[in-house]
Amino acid sequence: MDADKKSYIETQENIDYVLKSKNSALAFLFVAIVFITINRLEGYHSLHVRILAVGVIAFAFARLLNIKKYSQQRLTLKQSVSIVSYTAVFNSLLWSAIGIISIQSESLDQLQLIIIFIILISYSAGSIVTLSHKKFVFSFVSFTVLFPQIYYAFTEYLKTNDKQVFWLWGYTAINLIYNYRQGKTINDELLRRFSFEYDLKKSLEEVALSKKNLEEESIKTFHASRLSSLGEMAGGVAHEINNPLTIIQGMSKSIMNHSELTIDEDIRAKLVKINNASDRIAKIVKGMKIISSKNDQIIHEIIKVNKVLEISVGLFEERFKSENIDFKLELTDNPSILCNPLQISQIIINLITNALDAITKEGQNYLRVKVTEDRRNRTVDIRIINSGPLIESEVSAKIFEPFYSTKSLGKGTGLGLSISQTLAHSNGGELSYEPYEGKVCFKIHMNTHPDV
């Protein structure tokens, strides 16, 4: 039996122990009231018995109050279990004392005493089995409550030398055996019941989890299909742009380098601008073609970190300028990593997009991509740092969960960071949220690879 199942069964047994203690409390309470009512003792015996009976009633009420407080969550389960055990033990001790004092009284006739014992046995036998979960309490209460009958038979034998009184011992033994057998049966039944409940609960949880995972995978597949279609469209657009762009670049360079043409400085400056703009468009087109490539067509390869960043960051250059973003790319000694370049680029693009959304929403413009290498441990960290508001701990604990999003409805699917983390793991890396120098920062941690 595994630890979780054992803990669950123990907890349920304790709950059952507390709630069913009401039965034993009511039994002791009723018998004490009956005894006070039919009590015919005289002198100090009567006083002592009444005091003890009131004690029995007080402990019975304490047990009933304990159940009420536990139901209202004013007591913990552990506290309630302790109260049940202690009150049951003290109840049995008090009742045993009542029986022994009654036996010692000479004013109580034998028939009345036997009737009282029978009443006690009848009610206690049915209530004691509810304590069967706690072996020590069950054994102690069972024996203590019935001990006065053993004491009575022994004292009568000493007085009369009549062995017939020992029939009461046999009757007591039968009740003890009955209590033990019934207690064991009840406890075994509870174990089977709670074990079945636990197995059923785990099965339902597994079914619910499987259903949730299936729904998540279905939605992920749907979005992946949309992204794939978008990638194919982007690849087609990039291809169509690339052809006329090549012509524009070729003609602008041809004009500038033509030896027979006289070009004034103003026109040359314009041609330079055309050529530079064409180069930027070519970089964007190149990035789009790489990003739109199918994952299954790109295997893991050794590539420079700076090259991956150039592919990713190049797509945002115009946006940085148009939105007046204070962007800086801080590179290192350009280590190599073994990865799927497309997937790492997808992670960086997603993180930069999220960062831009965060800082433009807050009216701020600080964005850094910082690369740091740990040569000793052969690792490299790529940090995307922005000046947006820090993410609260409650949110940061959930941001990598599928479909969790802080964006307004329709602005995000909640899959970006989840997919990015999965991609990082598939490339032997780790994606995490770690504030850097007091600013928002997402870090891609990867192992470096020796150059071939």
Protein backbone atom coordinates (compact mmCIF):
# COMPACT_ATOMS: atom_id res chain seq x y z
CA MET A 1 0.00 0.00 0.00
CA ASP A 2 1.49 3.35 -1.06
CA ALA A 3 1.95 6.19 1.42
CA ASP A 4 -0.80 8.39 -0.06
CA LYS A 5 -3.36 5.61 0.10
CA LYS A 6 -2.35 4.71 3.65
CA SER A 7 -2.63 8.37 4.73
CA TYR A 8 -6.06 8.71 3.07
CA ILE A 9 -7.41 5.57 4.78
CA GLU A 10 -6.07 6.67 8.16
CA THR A 11 -7.66 10.09 7.79
CA GLN A 12 -11.03 8.62 6.82
CA GLU A 13 -10.90 6.16 9.73
CA ASN A 14 -10.22 9.04 12.13
CA ILE A 15 -13.16 11.02 10.72
CA ASP A 16 -15.38 7.96 11.13
CA TYR A 17 -13.99 7.50 14.66
CA VAL A 18 -14.93 11.06 15.63
CA LEU A 19 -18.39 11.09 14.07
CA LYS A 20 -19.43 7.66 15.36
CA SER A 21 -18.27 8.51 18.88
CA LYS A 22 -21.68 10.13 19.19
CA ASN A 23 -23.15 6.63 19.59
CA SER A 24 -20.97 5.73 22.56
CA ALA A 25 -21.54 9.18 24.11
CA LEU A 26 -25.32 8.76 23.92
CA ALA A 27 -25.09 5.20 25.32
CA PHE A 28 -23.03 6.26 28.35
CA LEU A 29 -25.28 9.29 28.85
CA PHE A 30 -28.47 7.20 28.77
CA VAL A 31 -27.14 4.49 31.10
CA ALA A 32 -25.91 7.10 33.60
CA ILE A 33 -29.34 8.77 33.66
CA VAL A 34 -31.07 5.40 34.08
CA PHE A 35 -28.73 4.48 36.94
CA ILE A 36 -29.33 7.77 38.74
CA THR A 37 -33.08 7.28 38.32
CA ILE A 38 -33.23 3.72 39.74
CA ASN A 39 -30.45 4.24 42.30
CA ARG A 40 -31.49 2.99 45.75
CA LEU A 41 -28.18 3.32 47.53
CA GLU A 42 -27.91 5.01 50.93
CA GLY A 43 -25.32 7.14 52.69
CA TYR A 44 -21.96 7.98 51.21
CA HIS A 45 -22.34 5.23 48.59
CA SER A 46 -25.29 7.10 47.09
CA LEU A 47 -23.42 10.43 47.09
CA HIS A 48 -20.29 8.98 45.51
CA VAL A 49 -22.25 7.15 42.85
CA ARG A 50 -24.26 10.25 41.94
CA ILE A 51 -21.09 12.33 41.64
CA LEU A 52 -19.49 9.70 39.43
CA ALA A 53 -22.65 9.42 37.32
CA VAL A 54 -22.65 13.19 36.80
CA GLY A 55 -19.02 12.81 35.69
CA VAL A 56 -20.07 10.19 33.15
CA ILE A 57 -22.74 12.57 31.86
CA ALA A 58 -20.22 15.46 31.68
CA PHE A 59 -17.72 13.43 29.63
CA ALA A 60 -20.53 12.23 27.36
CA PHE A 61 -21.58 15.82 26.73
CA ALA A 62 -17.91 16.76 26.13
CA ARG A 63 -17.76 14.14 23.39
CA LEU A 64 -20.97 15.41 21.81
CA LEU A 65 -19.63 18.99 21.94
CA ASN A 66 -16.39 17.80 20.37
CA ILE A 67 -18.29 16.42 17.38
CA LYS A 68 -20.11 19.72 16.96
CA LYS A 69 -16.88 21.78 17.08
CA TYR A 70 -15.20 19.46 14.60
CA SER A 71 -18.16 19.74 12.22
CA GLN A 72 -17.87 23.54 12.47
CA GLN A 73 -14.10 23.27 11.80
CA ARG A 74 -13.27 24.82 15.15
CA LEU A 75 -11.11 21.81 16.01
CA THR A 76 -8.61 19.90 13.90
CA LEU A 77 -9.11 16.20 13.23
CA LYS A 78 -6.13 15.35 15.43
CA GLN A 79 -7.56 17.35 18.35
CA SER A 80 -10.98 15.75 17.98
CA VAL A 81 -9.53 12.23 17.88
CA SER A 82 -7.62 12.89 21.12
CA ILE A 83 -10.76 14.23 22.84
CA VAL A 84 -12.77 11.16 21.80
CA SER A 85 -10.11 8.80 23.15
CA TYR A 86 -9.62 10.59 26.47
CA THR A 87 -13.34 11.07 27.20
CA ALA A 88 -14.09 7.43 26.31
CA VAL A 89 -11.37 6.19 28.66
CA PHE A 90 -12.50 8.43 31.55
CA ASN A 91 -16.14 7.46 30.94
CA SER A 92 -15.27 3.79 31.28
CA LEU A 93 -13.19 4.39 34.44
CA LEU A 94 -16.02 6.34 36.06
CA TRP A 95 -18.57 3.70 35.17
CA SER A 96 -16.35 0.95 36.50
CA ALA A 97 -16.02 2.90 39.77
CA ILE A 98 -19.82 3.28 39.93
CA GLY A 99 -20.24 -0.46 39.54
CA ILE A 100 -17.66 -1.34 42.22
CA ILE A 101 -19.09 1.16 44.74
CA SER A 102 -22.59 -0.18 44.09
CA ILE A 103 -21.37 -3.73 44.74
CA GLN A 104 -19.80 -2.66 48.03
CA SER A 105 -23.11 -1.16 49.21
CA GLU A 106 -25.10 -3.56 51.35
CA SER A 107 -28.37 -1.80 50.65
CA LEU A 108 -28.54 -2.91 47.03
CA ASP A 109 -30.22 -6.26 46.51
CA GLN A 110 -28.74 -8.80 44.12
CA LEU A 111 -31.58 -8.73 41.55
CA GLN A 112 -31.42 -4.96 41.12
CA LEU A 113 -27.63 -5.13 40.68
CA ILE A 114 -27.93 -7.80 37.98
CA ILE A 115 -30.57 -5.77 36.15
CA ILE A 116 -28.26 -2.73 36.17
CA PHE A 117 -25.39 -4.84 34.81
CA ILE A 118 -27.58 -6.20 32.02
CA ILE A 119 -28.67 -2.67 31.06
CA LEU A 120 -25.03 -1.59 31.05
CA ILE A 121 -23.93 -4.56 28.94
CA SER A 122 -26.74 -4.09 26.44
CA TYR A 123 -25.96 -0.44 25.77
CA SER A 124 -22.20 -0.50 26.10
CA ALA A 125 -21.75 -3.52 23.81
CA GLY A 126 -23.36 -1.65 20.94
CA SER A 127 -21.46 1.60 21.54
CA ILE A 128 -17.96 0.29 22.25
CA VAL A 129 -17.54 -1.22 18.78
CA THR A 130 -17.64 2.30 17.33
CA LEU A 131 -14.23 2.83 18.95
CA SER A 132 -12.73 -0.22 17.22
CA HIS A 133 -10.38 1.88 15.06
CA LYS A 134 -8.26 2.70 18.11
CA LYS A 135 -7.13 -0.68 19.43
CA PHE A 136 -5.90 0.47 22.82
CA VAL A 137 -8.97 2.60 23.56
CA PHE A 138 -11.28 -0.14 22.36
CA SER A 139 -9.59 -2.82 24.52
CA PHE A 140 -9.35 -0.62 27.61
CA VAL A 141 -12.96 0.57 27.45
CA SER A 142 -14.32 -2.90 26.68
CA PHE A 143 -12.66 -4.48 29.70
CA THR A 144 -13.06 -1.58 32.14
CA VAL A 145 -16.79 -1.14 31.55
CA LEU A 146 -17.45 -4.82 32.21
CA PHE A 147 -14.96 -5.22 35.06
CA PRO A 148 -17.56 -4.60 37.87
CA GLN A 149 -19.31 -7.83 36.88
CA ILE A 150 -16.07 -9.78 37.29
CA TYR A 151 -15.56 -8.05 40.65
CA TYR A 152 -19.15 -8.83 41.72
CA ALA A 153 -18.86 -12.54 40.91
CA PHE A 154 -15.57 -12.77 42.80
CA THR A 155 -16.86 -10.99 45.94
CA GLU A 156 -20.07 -13.07 45.96
CA TYR A 157 -18.05 -16.26 45.77
CA LEU A 158 -15.94 -15.14 48.75
CA LYS A 159 -19.11 -14.46 50.76
CA THR A 160 -21.18 -17.50 49.82
CA ASN A 161 -18.70 -19.96 48.36
CA ASP A 162 -21.35 -20.51 45.66
CA LYS A 163 -19.71 -21.22 42.29
CA GLN A 164 -22.95 -20.49 40.43
CA VAL A 165 -22.13 -16.78 40.53
CA PHE A 166 -19.35 -17.44 38.02
CA TRP A 167 -21.99 -17.63 35.30
CA LEU A 168 -21.61 -13.85 35.25
CA TRP A 169 -17.95 -14.29 34.29
CA GLY A 170 -19.00 -16.42 31.35
CA TYR A 171 -21.58 -13.83 30.34
CA THR A 172 -18.93 -11.10 30.56
CA ALA A 173 -16.45 -13.17 28.51
CA ILE A 174 -19.09 -13.70 25.82
CA ASN A 175 -19.68 -9.94 25.65
CA LEU A 176 -15.95 -9.20 25.45
CA ILE A 177 -15.48 -11.75 22.65
CA TYR A 178 -18.55 -10.39 20.88
CA ASN A 179 -17.23 -6.83 21.11
CA TYR A 180 -13.83 -7.83 19.74
CA ARG A 181 -15.32 -9.81 16.86
CA GLN A 182 -17.77 -7.06 15.98
CA GLY A 183 -15.05 -4.42 16.28
CA LYS A 184 -12.74 -6.33 13.96
CA THR A 185 -15.53 -6.89 11.45
CA ILE A 186 -16.43 -3.21 11.45
CA ASN A 187 -12.80 -2.12 11.13
CA ASP A 188 -12.11 -4.56 8.26
CA GLU A 189 -15.22 -3.32 6.49
CA LEU A 190 -14.09 0.29 6.92
CA LEU A 191 -10.65 -0.56 5.51
CA ARG A 192 -12.23 -2.14 2.42
CA ARG A 193 -14.62 0.78 2.01
CA PHE A 194 -11.99 3.51 2.30
CA SER A 195 -9.54 1.57 0.13
CA PHE A 196 -12.22 1.32 -2.56
CA GLU A 197 -13.02 5.03 -2.16
CA TYR A 198 -9.36 5.95 -2.62
CA ASP A 199 -8.96 3.76 -5.72
CA LEU A 200 -12.16 5.20 -7.19
CA LYS A 201 -11.06 8.75 -6.37
CA LYS A 202 -7.66 8.21 -8.04
CA SER A 203 -9.31 6.66 -11.08
CA LEU A 204 -11.66 9.63 -11.43
CA GLU A 205 -8.74 12.04 -11.05
CA GLU A 206 -6.79 10.18 -13.73
CA VAL A 207 -9.81 10.26 -16.05
CA ALA A 208 -10.26 14.00 -15.40
CA LEU A 209 -6.55 14.61 -15.99
CA SER A 210 -6.61 12.58 -19.19
CA LYS A 211 -9.63 14.53 -20.36
CA LYS A 212 -7.92 17.82 -19.54
CA ASN A 213 -4.72 16.75 -21.31
CA LEU A 214 -6.73 15.63 -24.32
CA GLU A 215 -8.53 18.98 -24.48
CA GLU A 216 -5.23 20.85 -24.12
CA GLU A 217 -3.58 18.79 -26.85
CA SER A 218 -6.60 19.29 -29.10
CA ILE A 219 -6.42 23.07 -28.68
CA LYS A 220 -2.63 23.03 -29.09
CA THR A 221 -3.00 21.01 -32.30
CA PHE A 222 -5.59 23.49 -33.55
CA HIS A 223 -3.32 26.46 -32.86
CA ALA A 224 -0.32 24.63 -34.27
CA SER A 225 -2.31 24.01 -37.44
CA ARG A 226 -3.15 27.70 -37.66
CA LEU A 227 0.49 28.64 -37.06
CA SER A 228 1.59 26.13 -39.68
CA SER A 229 -0.82 27.65 -42.21
CA LEU A 230 0.39 31.11 -41.30
CA GLY A 231 4.00 29.95 -41.66
CA GLU A 232 3.31 28.53 -45.11
CA MET A 233 1.65 31.77 -46.12
CA ALA A 234 4.59 33.78 -44.73
CA GLY A 235 7.00 31.57 -46.64
CA GLY A 236 5.05 32.14 -49.84
CA VAL A 237 4.95 35.90 -49.29
CA ALA A 238 8.68 35.94 -48.51
CA HIS A 239 9.40 34.05 -51.74
CA GLU A 240 7.28 36.44 -53.81
CA ILE A 241 8.94 39.48 -52.20
CA ASN A 242 12.42 38.07 -52.66
CA ASN A 243 12.26 37.97 -56.47
CA PRO A 244 11.49 41.67 -57.14
CA LEU A 245 13.70 42.62 -54.20
CA THR A 246 16.66 40.94 -55.86
CA ILE A 247 15.99 42.98 -59.00
CA ILE A 248 15.79 46.22 -57.01
CA GLN A 249 19.06 45.47 -55.19
CA GLY A 250 20.83 44.48 -58.39
CA MET A 251 19.70 47.52 -60.35
CA SER A 252 20.49 50.01 -57.55
CA LYS A 253 24.01 48.61 -57.17
CA SER A 254 24.45 48.50 -60.95
CA ILE A 255 23.54 52.16 -61.28
CA MET A 256 25.87 53.19 -58.46
CA ASN A 257 28.76 51.17 -59.87
CA HIS A 258 28.20 52.04 -63.54
CA SER A 259 31.39 53.72 -64.71
CA GLU A 260 29.86 55.59 -67.65
CA LEU A 261 27.05 57.28 -65.69
CA THR A 262 27.58 60.58 -63.98
CA ILE A 263 25.57 60.59 -60.73
CA ASP A 264 25.41 63.61 -58.48
CA GLU A 265 25.70 63.23 -54.74
CA ASP A 266 21.98 63.73 -54.06
CA ILE A 267 20.99 60.88 -56.37
CA ARG A 268 23.81 58.69 -55.02
CA ALA A 269 22.57 59.29 -51.46
CA LYS A 270 19.07 58.24 -52.51
CA LEU A 271 20.44 55.10 -54.19
CA VAL A 272 22.34 54.26 -51.00
CA LYS A 273 19.10 54.60 -49.01
CA ILE A 274 17.33 52.33 -51.52
CA ASN A 275 20.12 49.78 -51.23
CA ASN A 276 20.15 49.90 -47.40
CA ALA A 277 16.37 49.56 -47.28
CA SER A 278 16.60 46.62 -49.66
CA ASP A 279 19.18 44.97 -47.40
CA ARG A 280 16.87 45.36 -44.41
CA ILE A 281 13.98 43.88 -46.34
CA ALA A 282 16.25 41.02 -47.43
CA LYS A 283 17.12 40.30 -43.80
CA ILE A 284 13.43 40.28 -42.85
CA VAL A 285 12.59 38.02 -45.79
CA LYS A 286 15.42 35.68 -44.82
CA GLY A 287 14.11 35.52 -41.27
CA MET A 288 10.57 34.87 -42.48
CA LYS A 289 11.75 32.03 -44.68
CA ILE A 290 13.62 30.41 -41.79
CA ILE A 291 10.73 30.90 -39.35
CA SER A 292 8.21 29.51 -41.84
CA SER A 293 10.25 26.32 -42.35
CA LYS A 294 8.69 23.13 -41.03
CA ASN A 295 10.07 21.83 -37.72
CA ASP A 296 10.43 18.30 -38.98
CA GLN A 297 12.67 19.53 -41.79
CA ILE A 298 15.16 21.14 -39.41
CA ILE A 299 17.34 18.87 -37.32
CA HIS A 300 19.49 19.84 -34.38
CA GLU A 301 22.69 21.47 -35.49
CA ILE A 302 25.61 23.36 -34.02
CA ILE A 303 25.03 27.09 -34.48
CA LYS A 304 26.36 30.32 -33.05
CA VAL A 305 24.13 32.05 -30.50
CA ASN A 306 24.61 35.42 -32.22
CA LYS A 307 23.33 34.01 -35.52
CA VAL A 308 20.14 32.76 -33.89
CA LEU A 309 19.62 36.18 -32.31
CA GLU A 310 20.20 38.00 -35.61
CA ILE A 311 17.50 35.89 -37.24
CA SER A 312 15.04 36.62 -34.43
CA VAL A 313 15.81 40.25 -33.58
CA GLY A 314 15.99 41.30 -37.22
CA LEU A 315 12.23 40.89 -37.53
CA PHE A 316 11.67 43.64 -34.94
CA GLU A 317 14.10 46.35 -36.10
CA GLU A 318 11.46 48.53 -37.78
CA ARG A 319 9.07 48.15 -34.85
CA PHE A 320 11.81 49.25 -32.45
CA LYS A 321 12.27 52.41 -34.52
CA SER A 322 8.60 53.18 -35.14
CA GLU A 323 7.66 52.75 -31.47
CA ASN A 324 10.79 54.49 -30.19
CA ILE A 325 11.93 51.43 -28.23
CA ASP A 326 15.24 51.77 -26.40
CA PHE A 327 16.59 48.43 -27.58
CA LYS A 328 20.05 47.04 -27.06
CA LEU A 329 21.53 43.68 -28.00
CA GLU A 330 24.35 42.73 -25.64
CA LEU A 331 26.32 39.83 -27.09
CA THR A 332 29.10 37.71 -25.63
CA ASP A 333 32.02 35.84 -27.22
CA ASN A 334 29.52 34.08 -29.46
CA PRO A 335 29.50 30.48 -28.12
CA SER A 336 28.01 27.62 -30.10
CA ILE A 337 24.96 25.63 -29.07
CA LEU A 338 23.48 22.37 -30.34
CA CYS A 339 19.82 23.07 -31.04
CA ASN A 340 17.01 23.38 -33.51
CA PRO A 341 17.61 27.01 -34.61
CA LEU A 342 13.99 27.46 -35.65
CA GLN A 343 12.67 26.44 -32.25
CA ILE A 344 15.09 28.63 -30.30
CA SER A 345 14.25 31.51 -32.63
CA GLN A 346 10.54 30.92 -31.99
CA ILE A 347 11.16 31.18 -28.23
CA ILE A 348 13.08 34.46 -28.59
CA ILE A 349 10.46 35.96 -30.92
CA ASN A 350 7.67 35.04 -28.51
CA LEU A 351 9.53 36.54 -25.53
CA ILE A 352 10.36 39.78 -27.39
CA THR A 353 6.74 40.07 -28.56
CA ASN A 354 5.48 39.65 -24.97
CA ALA A 355 8.04 42.19 -23.75
CA LEU A 356 6.97 44.75 -26.37
CA ASP A 357 3.32 44.26 -25.43
CA ALA A 358 4.18 44.81 -21.76
CA ILE A 359 6.31 47.95 -22.12
CA THR A 360 4.13 49.70 -24.72
CA LYS A 361 1.09 49.09 -22.51
CA GLU A 362 2.85 50.81 -19.60
CA GLY A 363 4.23 53.63 -21.73
CA GLN A 364 7.84 52.53 -21.19
CA ASN A 365 10.48 51.69 -23.78
CA TYR A 366 13.39 49.76 -22.25
CA LEU A 367 14.21 46.39 -23.84
CA ARG A 368 17.44 44.40 -23.67
CA VAL A 369 18.56 41.05 -25.05
CA LYS A 370 21.60 40.08 -23.01
CA VAL A 371 23.80 37.03 -23.59
CA THR A 372 26.15 35.80 -20.85
CA GLU A 373 28.41 32.78 -21.06
CA ASP A 374 29.68 30.64 -18.18
CA ARG A 375 32.74 28.97 -19.69
CA ARG A 376 33.56 27.03 -16.56
CA ASN A 377 30.20 25.25 -16.53
CA ARG A 378 29.84 25.41 -20.33
CA THR A 379 26.48 27.16 -20.30
CA VAL A 380 25.02 30.27 -21.86
CA ASP A 381 22.07 32.40 -20.74
CA ILE A 382 19.94 34.46 -23.11
CA ARG A 383 17.99 37.06 -21.15
CA ILE A 384 15.11 39.12 -22.53
CA ILE A 385 14.85 42.07 -20.12
CA ASN A 386 12.22 44.81 -20.19
CA SER A 387 11.07 47.73 -18.07
CA GLY A 388 7.49 46.53 -17.67
CA PRO A 389 5.91 45.90 -14.26
CA LEU A 390 7.35 42.97 -12.28
CA ILE A 391 5.23 39.83 -12.34
CA GLU A 392 3.67 38.94 -8.98
CA SER A 393 4.71 35.63 -7.40
CA GLU A 394 1.15 34.24 -7.66
CA VAL A 395 1.18 34.88 -11.41
CA SER A 396 4.79 33.79 -12.05
CA ALA A 397 3.95 30.40 -10.52
CA LYS A 398 1.32 29.84 -13.24
CA ILE A 399 2.56 31.67 -16.34
CA PHE A 400 4.05 28.53 -17.90
CA GLU A 401 0.82 26.56 -17.49
CA PRO A 402 -1.10 25.92 -20.72
CA PHE A 403 -3.91 28.44 -21.39
CA TYR A 404 -2.95 30.70 -18.49
CA SER A 405 -2.85 34.28 -19.76
CA THR A 406 -2.77 37.72 -18.15
CA LYS A 407 -3.88 39.35 -21.39
CA SER A 408 -7.46 40.42 -21.96
CA LEU A 409 -9.91 38.13 -23.71
CA GLY A 410 -9.05 37.76 -27.39
CA LYS A 411 -5.51 39.14 -26.96
CA GLY A 412 -3.76 35.86 -26.23
CA THR A 413 -4.26 32.10 -26.07
CA GLY A 414 -2.11 31.43 -23.01
CA LEU A 415 -0.03 28.95 -25.01
CA GLY A 416 3.01 31.06 -25.93
CA LEU A 417 5.07 30.55 -22.78
CA SER A 418 3.90 26.97 -22.35
CA ILE A 419 4.99 26.05 -25.87
CA SER A 420 8.22 28.04 -25.47
CA GLN A 421 9.10 26.12 -22.33
CA THR A 422 8.39 22.82 -24.09
CA LEU A 423 10.63 23.88 -27.00
CA ALA A 424 13.40 24.86 -24.56
CA HIS A 425 13.23 21.42 -22.92
CA SER A 426 13.32 19.66 -26.29
CA ASN A 427 16.59 21.49 -27.00
CA GLY A 428 18.16 20.52 -23.67
CA GLY A 429 17.55 23.96 -22.17
CA GLU A 430 15.36 25.63 -19.58
CA LEU A 431 13.09 28.66 -19.82
CA SER A 432 12.36 30.48 -16.57
CA TYR A 433 11.19 33.81 -15.18
CA GLU A 434 13.93 35.44 -13.08
CA PRO A 435 13.89 39.23 -12.41
CA TYR A 436 17.25 40.73 -13.39
CA GLU A 437 18.56 43.86 -11.70
CA GLY A 438 15.07 44.77 -10.58
CA LYS A 439 13.52 44.35 -14.04
CA VAL A 440 11.31 41.77 -15.73
CA CYS A 441 13.44 39.03 -17.24
CA PHE A 442 12.87 35.71 -18.97
CA LYS A 443 15.97 33.53 -19.23
CA ILE A 444 16.82 30.77 -21.70
CA HIS A 445 19.50 28.60 -20.12
CA MET A 446 21.38 26.23 -22.47
CA ASN A 447 24.55 24.19 -22.63
CA THR A 448 27.29 25.39 -24.95
CA HIS A 449 28.87 23.09 -27.51
CA PRO A 450 32.53 22.98 -28.59
CA ASP A 451 33.07 24.26 -32.11
CA VAL A 452 33.74 21.57 -34.69
